[in-house]
N, C-alpha and C. Protein backbone atom coordinates (compact mmCIF):
# COMPACT_ATOMS: atom_id res chain seq x y z
N UNK A 1 -107.62 16.72 -52.15
CA UNK A 1 -107.70 17.39 -53.47
C UNK A 1 -107.15 17.93 -54.63
N UNK A 2 -106.76 17.18 -55.78
CA UNK A 2 -105.53 18.28 -55.98
C UNK A 2 -106.22 19.64 -57.58
N UNK A 3 -105.29 19.99 -57.23
CA UNK A 3 -106.09 21.21 -58.43
C UNK A 3 -104.46 21.79 -59.46
N UNK A 4 -105.26 21.49 -60.55
CA UNK A 4 -104.55 21.02 -61.72
C UNK A 4 -104.06 22.96 -62.11
N UNK A 5 -103.06 23.08 -63.23
CA UNK A 5 -103.20 24.24 -63.87
C UNK A 5 -104.12 24.77 -64.58
N UNK A 6 -105.29 24.34 -64.54
CA UNK A 6 -106.33 24.71 -65.40
C UNK A 6 -107.73 25.22 -64.92
N UNK A 7 -106.77 25.11 -63.75
CA UNK A 7 -108.35 25.15 -62.10
C UNK A 7 -108.92 24.16 -62.18
N UNK A 8 -108.89 22.80 -62.30
CA UNK A 8 -109.48 21.46 -62.03
C UNK A 8 -109.11 21.30 -60.80
N UNK A 9 -109.68 21.09 -60.19
CA UNK A 9 -109.76 19.87 -59.15
C UNK A 9 -110.70 19.35 -58.26
N UNK A 10 -109.85 17.62 -58.67
CA UNK A 10 -110.25 16.87 -58.07
C UNK A 10 -110.39 16.35 -56.84
N UNK A 11 -111.17 16.28 -55.76
CA UNK A 11 -111.99 15.27 -54.65
C UNK A 11 -111.63 13.81 -54.70
N UNK A 12 -110.63 12.87 -53.84
CA UNK A 12 -111.13 11.74 -52.99
C UNK A 12 -112.14 11.57 -52.57
N UNK A 13 -112.78 10.18 -52.93
CA UNK A 13 -113.99 10.47 -52.11
C UNK A 13 -113.78 10.11 -50.36
N UNK A 14 -112.27 9.51 -50.45
CA UNK A 14 -112.16 9.92 -48.75
C UNK A 14 -111.88 11.35 -48.60
N UNK A 15 -111.50 11.94 -48.63
CA UNK A 15 -111.57 14.15 -49.33
C UNK A 15 -113.04 14.61 -48.48
N UNK A 16 -113.64 14.05 -49.46
CA UNK A 16 -115.18 14.10 -49.46
C UNK A 16 -115.78 13.84 -47.94
N UNK A 17 -115.63 12.46 -47.71
CA UNK A 17 -116.32 11.94 -46.72
C UNK A 17 -116.45 12.74 -46.03
N UNK A 18 -114.80 13.07 -45.38
CA UNK A 18 -114.01 13.32 -43.97
C UNK A 18 -114.54 15.51 -43.67
N UNK A 19 -114.98 15.43 -45.15
CA UNK A 19 -115.85 17.21 -44.67
C UNK A 19 -116.93 16.88 -43.77
N UNK A 20 -116.41 18.24 -43.18
CA UNK A 20 -118.32 18.58 -42.00
C UNK A 20 -119.15 18.27 -42.94
N UNK A 21 -120.62 18.14 -42.07
CA UNK A 21 -121.29 17.68 -42.63
C UNK A 21 -122.77 18.42 -42.50
N UNK A 22 -123.52 18.63 -43.18
CA UNK A 22 -124.73 19.37 -42.56
C UNK A 22 -125.38 17.92 -42.80
N UNK A 23 -127.65 17.97 -42.09
CA UNK A 23 -128.44 17.45 -41.79
C UNK A 23 -129.88 18.12 -42.80
N UNK A 24 -129.83 18.23 -44.36
CA UNK A 24 -131.55 18.61 -44.64
C UNK A 24 -132.46 17.46 -44.57
N UNK A 25 -133.37 17.80 -43.79
CA UNK A 25 -134.46 16.62 -43.76
C UNK A 25 -135.34 17.55 -44.57
N UNK A 26 -136.22 15.82 -45.60
CA UNK A 26 -136.96 16.05 -46.52
C UNK A 26 -137.37 15.96 -47.75
N UNK A 27 -139.02 15.93 -48.36
CA UNK A 27 -138.22 15.04 -49.20
C UNK A 27 -138.61 15.63 -50.79
N UNK A 28 -138.66 14.60 -51.96
CA UNK A 28 -137.74 15.18 -52.77
C UNK A 28 -139.80 14.42 -53.63
N UNK A 29 -139.53 14.81 -55.17
CA UNK A 29 -140.36 14.59 -55.88
C UNK A 29 -140.22 12.89 -55.86
N UNK A 30 -139.14 12.49 -55.95
CA UNK A 30 -138.25 10.65 -56.17
C UNK A 30 -138.80 9.75 -54.52
N UNK A 31 -138.26 11.23 -52.83
CA UNK A 31 -137.83 10.29 -52.11
C UNK A 31 -139.05 10.75 -50.75
N UNK A 32 -140.07 10.59 -50.11
CA UNK A 32 -140.26 10.51 -48.69
C UNK A 32 -139.46 11.18 -48.10
N UNK A 33 -139.68 12.17 -46.99
CA UNK A 33 -139.44 13.25 -46.12
C UNK A 33 -137.40 11.86 -45.36
N UNK A 34 -136.96 13.02 -45.83
CA UNK A 34 -135.87 11.37 -45.27
C UNK A 34 -134.43 12.92 -44.77
N UNK A 35 -133.57 12.32 -44.20
CA UNK A 35 -132.40 12.61 -43.38
C UNK A 35 -131.54 11.96 -44.63
N UNK A 36 -130.93 13.65 -45.14
CA UNK A 36 -129.86 13.40 -45.95
C UNK A 36 -128.71 14.10 -45.74
N UNK A 37 -127.40 13.96 -45.59
CA UNK A 37 -126.35 14.44 -44.78
C UNK A 37 -124.89 14.35 -45.85
N UNK A 38 -124.54 15.92 -45.81
CA UNK A 38 -123.59 16.20 -46.20
C UNK A 38 -123.33 16.84 -46.24
N UNK A 39 -121.55 17.65 -47.17
CA UNK A 39 -121.49 18.87 -46.92
C UNK A 39 -121.98 20.39 -47.43
N UNK A 40 -121.99 21.32 -46.83
CA UNK A 40 -122.88 22.72 -47.37
C UNK A 40 -121.68 22.22 -48.85
N UNK A 41 -122.21 22.76 -49.95
CA UNK A 41 -122.16 23.36 -51.40
C UNK A 41 -121.36 24.30 -50.91
N UNK A 42 -122.18 26.01 -50.55
CA UNK A 42 -120.91 26.83 -50.65
C UNK A 42 -119.29 26.51 -49.61
N UNK A 43 -119.47 25.81 -48.39
CA UNK A 43 -117.46 25.41 -47.76
C UNK A 43 -116.96 24.33 -48.74
N UNK A 44 -117.40 23.35 -49.94
CA UNK A 44 -116.69 22.86 -51.05
C UNK A 44 -116.17 23.96 -51.70
N UNK A 45 -116.83 25.07 -52.55
CA UNK A 45 -116.60 26.58 -53.94
C UNK A 45 -115.57 27.05 -52.72
N UNK A 46 -116.01 27.14 -51.47
CA UNK A 46 -114.50 28.47 -50.71
C UNK A 46 -113.15 27.40 -50.54
N UNK A 47 -113.60 26.03 -49.59
CA UNK A 47 -112.74 25.11 -49.58
C UNK A 47 -111.30 24.98 -51.07
N UNK A 48 -112.34 25.18 -52.56
CA UNK A 48 -111.44 24.94 -53.90
C UNK A 48 -111.16 26.42 -54.23
N UNK A 49 -111.56 27.30 -53.62
CA UNK A 49 -111.27 28.81 -54.27
C UNK A 49 -111.55 29.16 -55.64
N UNK A 50 -113.33 28.19 -55.66
CA UNK A 50 -113.67 28.66 -56.87
C UNK A 50 -114.53 29.75 -56.44
N UNK A 51 -113.73 31.14 -58.34
CA UNK A 51 -114.56 31.89 -58.52
C UNK A 51 -115.96 31.37 -59.19
N UNK A 52 -117.07 32.64 -59.39
CA UNK A 52 -117.82 32.78 -60.42
C UNK A 52 -118.53 32.27 -59.07
N UNK A 53 -119.96 32.78 -60.04
CA UNK A 53 -121.57 32.96 -59.52
C UNK A 53 -122.03 31.78 -60.39
N UNK A 54 -122.01 31.25 -61.56
CA UNK A 54 -121.97 30.84 -62.66
C UNK A 54 -122.50 29.05 -62.27
N UNK A 55 -123.01 27.87 -61.23
CA UNK A 55 -122.39 26.98 -61.75
C UNK A 55 -122.73 25.66 -62.57
N UNK A 56 -122.65 24.48 -62.99
CA UNK A 56 -123.31 23.63 -64.04
C UNK A 56 -123.17 22.48 -63.46
N UNK A 57 -124.09 22.00 -63.24
CA UNK A 57 -123.92 20.67 -61.82
C UNK A 57 -124.53 19.48 -63.63
N UNK A 58 -123.24 18.37 -62.60
CA UNK A 58 -122.81 17.29 -63.79
C UNK A 58 -123.64 16.00 -63.73
N UNK A 59 -124.06 15.35 -64.20
CA UNK A 59 -124.35 13.78 -63.43
C UNK A 59 -124.06 12.76 -64.69
N UNK A 60 -123.68 11.77 -63.69
CA UNK A 60 -122.81 10.47 -64.28
C UNK A 60 -123.21 10.31 -65.88
N UNK A 61 -124.89 10.42 -66.28
CA UNK A 61 -125.28 10.33 -67.16
C UNK A 61 -125.98 11.57 -68.48
N UNK A 62 -124.16 12.41 -67.85
CA UNK A 62 -124.33 13.67 -69.07
C UNK A 62 -125.49 15.08 -68.48
N UNK A 63 -126.20 13.94 -67.82
CA UNK A 63 -127.18 15.39 -67.36
C UNK A 63 -126.30 16.10 -67.40
N UNK A 64 -127.08 17.93 -67.32
CA UNK A 64 -126.16 18.72 -66.06
C UNK A 64 -127.33 19.58 -66.57
N UNK A 65 -127.20 21.02 -65.60
CA UNK A 65 -127.79 21.96 -65.56
C UNK A 65 -127.73 23.56 -65.20
N UNK A 66 -127.50 24.27 -65.71
CA UNK A 66 -126.97 25.79 -65.12
C UNK A 66 -127.87 26.53 -63.75
N UNK A 67 -127.12 26.02 -63.31
CA UNK A 67 -127.86 27.63 -61.64
C UNK A 67 -126.50 28.63 -61.40
N UNK A 68 -127.35 29.73 -60.93
CA UNK A 68 -126.96 30.40 -60.27
C UNK A 68 -126.66 30.22 -58.24
N UNK A 69 -124.96 30.08 -58.59
CA UNK A 69 -124.55 29.39 -57.16
C UNK A 69 -125.03 30.23 -55.66
N UNK A 70 -125.27 31.79 -55.75
CA UNK A 70 -125.86 32.06 -54.76
C UNK A 70 -127.88 31.79 -54.46
N UNK A 71 -128.66 30.51 -55.18
CA UNK A 71 -129.76 30.64 -55.52
C UNK A 71 -129.26 29.46 -53.83
N UNK A 72 -128.02 28.38 -54.52
CA UNK A 72 -127.99 27.37 -53.91
C UNK A 72 -128.42 27.16 -52.15
N UNK A 73 -126.56 28.79 -52.41
CA UNK A 73 -125.85 28.97 -51.57
C UNK A 73 -127.07 28.94 -50.15
N UNK A 74 -128.12 30.10 -50.74
CA UNK A 74 -129.21 31.38 -49.72
C UNK A 74 -129.79 29.85 -49.25
N UNK A 75 -130.01 28.56 -49.85
CA UNK A 75 -130.96 27.44 -48.51
C UNK A 75 -130.25 26.26 -48.85
N UNK A 76 -128.97 26.50 -47.87
CA UNK A 76 -127.63 25.39 -47.87
C UNK A 76 -127.53 24.35 -48.74
N UNK A 77 -127.93 24.12 -49.16
CA UNK A 77 -128.05 23.54 -50.38
C UNK A 77 -126.75 22.07 -50.09
N UNK A 78 -126.80 20.86 -49.74
CA UNK A 78 -125.37 20.08 -49.47
C UNK A 78 -125.35 19.37 -50.98
N UNK A 79 -124.62 18.43 -51.11
CA UNK A 79 -123.81 17.35 -51.40
C UNK A 79 -123.68 16.27 -50.90
N UNK A 80 -125.52 15.74 -50.66
CA UNK A 80 -125.29 14.43 -50.21
C UNK A 80 -124.65 12.80 -50.27
N UNK A 81 -124.45 12.48 -49.43
CA UNK A 81 -123.86 11.44 -49.37
C UNK A 81 -124.20 9.80 -48.73
N UNK A 82 -125.65 10.38 -48.01
CA UNK A 82 -126.17 9.15 -47.21
C UNK A 82 -128.08 9.94 -46.88
N UNK A 83 -128.91 8.92 -47.38
CA UNK A 83 -129.82 9.13 -46.43
C UNK A 83 -130.16 8.46 -45.45
N UNK A 84 -130.70 8.72 -44.56
CA UNK A 84 -131.62 7.85 -43.30
C UNK A 84 -130.29 7.35 -42.76
N UNK A 85 -129.04 7.56 -43.12
CA UNK A 85 -128.06 6.68 -42.66
C UNK A 85 -127.42 5.97 -43.69
N UNK A 86 -127.77 5.98 -44.83
CA UNK A 86 -127.19 4.61 -45.72
C UNK A 86 -126.85 5.29 -46.16
N UNK A 87 -125.75 5.13 -46.75
CA UNK A 87 -124.51 6.00 -48.25
C UNK A 87 -125.62 5.48 -49.25
N UNK A 88 -125.24 6.32 -50.01
CA UNK A 88 -126.20 6.16 -51.27
C UNK A 88 -124.79 5.66 -52.36
N UNK A 89 -126.52 4.87 -53.36
CA UNK A 89 -125.21 4.75 -54.52
C UNK A 89 -125.89 4.75 -55.20
N UNK A 90 -124.78 3.90 -56.90
CA UNK A 90 -125.84 4.83 -58.25
C UNK A 90 -127.02 4.49 -58.94
N UNK A 91 -127.11 3.36 -57.48
CA UNK A 91 -128.63 2.95 -57.73
C UNK A 91 -129.60 2.97 -57.62
N UNK A 92 -129.31 4.43 -55.77
CA UNK A 92 -130.20 5.26 -55.51
C UNK A 92 -129.60 6.34 -55.09
N UNK A 93 -129.54 7.43 -56.29
CA UNK A 93 -129.53 8.32 -56.36
C UNK A 93 -128.45 9.05 -55.83
N UNK A 94 -126.88 7.74 -55.72
CA UNK A 94 -125.84 8.29 -55.47
C UNK A 94 -124.45 8.26 -56.86
N UNK A 95 -123.44 8.99 -55.79
CA UNK A 95 -123.54 8.78 -55.10
C UNK A 95 -123.29 10.42 -54.15
N UNK A 96 -123.41 11.24 -54.90
CA UNK A 96 -123.25 12.40 -54.77
C UNK A 96 -125.33 13.12 -54.72
N UNK A 97 -125.61 13.65 -54.20
CA UNK A 97 -127.53 14.50 -54.54
C UNK A 97 -127.09 15.53 -54.30
N UNK A 98 -127.36 16.07 -54.74
CA UNK A 98 -128.17 17.63 -54.66
C UNK A 98 -129.20 17.93 -53.66
N UNK A 99 -129.15 19.16 -52.73
CA UNK A 99 -130.05 18.79 -51.96
C UNK A 99 -130.51 19.64 -51.39
N UNK A 100 -131.44 19.91 -51.06
CA UNK A 100 -131.61 21.23 -50.45
C UNK A 100 -132.59 21.32 -49.60
N UNK A 101 -133.39 22.39 -48.53
CA UNK A 101 -134.90 22.22 -47.85
C UNK A 101 -135.50 22.34 -48.38
N UNK A 102 -136.06 21.62 -49.13
CA UNK A 102 -137.93 22.05 -49.89
C UNK A 102 -139.00 21.80 -49.52
N UNK A 103 -139.13 21.28 -48.50
CA UNK A 103 -139.85 21.21 -47.62
C UNK A 103 -140.39 22.31 -46.96
N UNK A 104 -139.06 22.89 -46.50
CA UNK A 104 -139.09 24.20 -45.48
C UNK A 104 -139.58 25.80 -46.23
N UNK A 105 -138.75 25.35 -48.24
CA UNK A 105 -139.86 26.49 -49.26
C UNK A 105 -140.72 26.35 -50.34
N UNK A 106 -141.49 25.18 -49.40
CA UNK A 106 -141.69 25.19 -50.75
C UNK A 106 -142.52 26.10 -51.73
N UNK A 107 -143.05 26.98 -50.85
CA UNK A 107 -143.44 28.52 -52.06
C UNK A 107 -141.84 28.78 -53.44
N UNK A 108 -141.09 28.90 -52.85
CA UNK A 108 -140.19 28.98 -54.12
C UNK A 108 -138.73 27.27 -54.47
N UNK A 109 -139.15 26.32 -53.77
CA UNK A 109 -138.38 25.80 -54.17
C UNK A 109 -138.82 23.90 -55.15
N UNK A 110 -140.17 24.25 -54.75
CA UNK A 110 -141.01 22.92 -54.94
C UNK A 110 -142.17 23.01 -56.75
N UNK A 111 -141.43 23.77 -57.20
CA UNK A 111 -141.40 23.83 -58.46
C UNK A 111 -140.45 23.76 -59.52
N UNK A 112 -140.68 23.06 -60.60
CA UNK A 112 -140.00 22.22 -61.99
C UNK A 112 -138.49 22.81 -62.72
N UNK A 113 -138.44 23.86 -62.19
CA UNK A 113 -136.98 24.33 -61.19
C UNK A 113 -136.18 23.48 -61.21
N UNK A 114 -137.00 24.07 -59.88
CA UNK A 114 -136.27 23.51 -58.14
C UNK A 114 -135.74 22.05 -58.49
N UNK A 115 -136.71 21.60 -59.57
CA UNK A 115 -136.69 19.87 -59.19
C UNK A 115 -135.48 19.74 -59.86
N UNK A 116 -135.52 20.83 -60.92
CA UNK A 116 -134.47 20.30 -61.75
C UNK A 116 -132.69 20.10 -61.23
N UNK A 117 -132.88 21.38 -60.11
CA UNK A 117 -131.42 21.38 -59.33
C UNK A 117 -130.76 20.68 -58.61
N UNK A 118 -132.62 19.96 -58.25
CA UNK A 118 -131.95 18.03 -57.23
C UNK A 118 -131.26 17.25 -58.59
N UNK A 119 -130.14 17.29 -59.12
CA UNK A 119 -129.30 16.26 -59.90
C UNK A 119 -128.64 15.62 -58.67
N UNK A 120 -128.77 13.63 -58.77
CA UNK A 120 -128.45 12.91 -58.47
C UNK A 120 -127.04 11.99 -59.37
N UNK A 121 -126.68 11.03 -58.85
CA UNK A 121 -125.53 11.29 -59.73
C UNK A 121 -124.09 11.68 -59.88
N UNK A 122 -124.21 12.63 -59.07
CA UNK A 122 -123.54 14.24 -59.52
C UNK A 122 -121.79 13.49 -59.14
N UNK A 123 -121.30 14.82 -60.65
CA UNK A 123 -119.95 14.09 -61.15
C UNK A 123 -119.23 14.91 -61.12
N UNK A 124 -119.38 16.40 -61.35
CA UNK A 124 -119.32 17.35 -61.17
C UNK A 124 -119.93 18.91 -61.33
N UNK A 125 -118.85 19.40 -60.85
CA UNK A 125 -119.21 20.78 -61.27
C UNK A 125 -119.22 21.82 -61.90
N UNK A 126 -119.04 22.90 -63.05
CA UNK A 126 -118.43 23.55 -63.14
C UNK A 126 -118.62 25.25 -62.91
N UNK A 127 -118.09 25.23 -62.74
CA UNK A 127 -118.22 27.14 -62.07
C UNK A 127 -117.62 27.90 -63.14
N UNK A 128 -118.39 29.24 -63.39
CA UNK A 128 -118.12 30.38 -64.24
C UNK A 128 -118.14 31.51 -63.75
């Protein structure tokens, strides 16, 4: 993990994969019920001392969505790097898929807005 003067943090794949992980078992609009594994988003933001509550999640294809960090933290959002024990690839929602327990909170999370927060091919998070 490196910190530059402009408060940009870069984490290597090796460092990311060495982080403590959590499992979220859920379905998405694009996948059947699966076990997604990755570190908690709140832990990563804390580890890099990110200040701010507004997050912009950015994907490899330049898709981005703004979301309240407290909203994602409330549901135990993880940055999944595997699904059912298999590493995610760019062809299969990876290398990182933003995931939360959608099935456990259907009323709150099974919405069009909620689906937009399930960003796959995540490559960056901007914090304001």
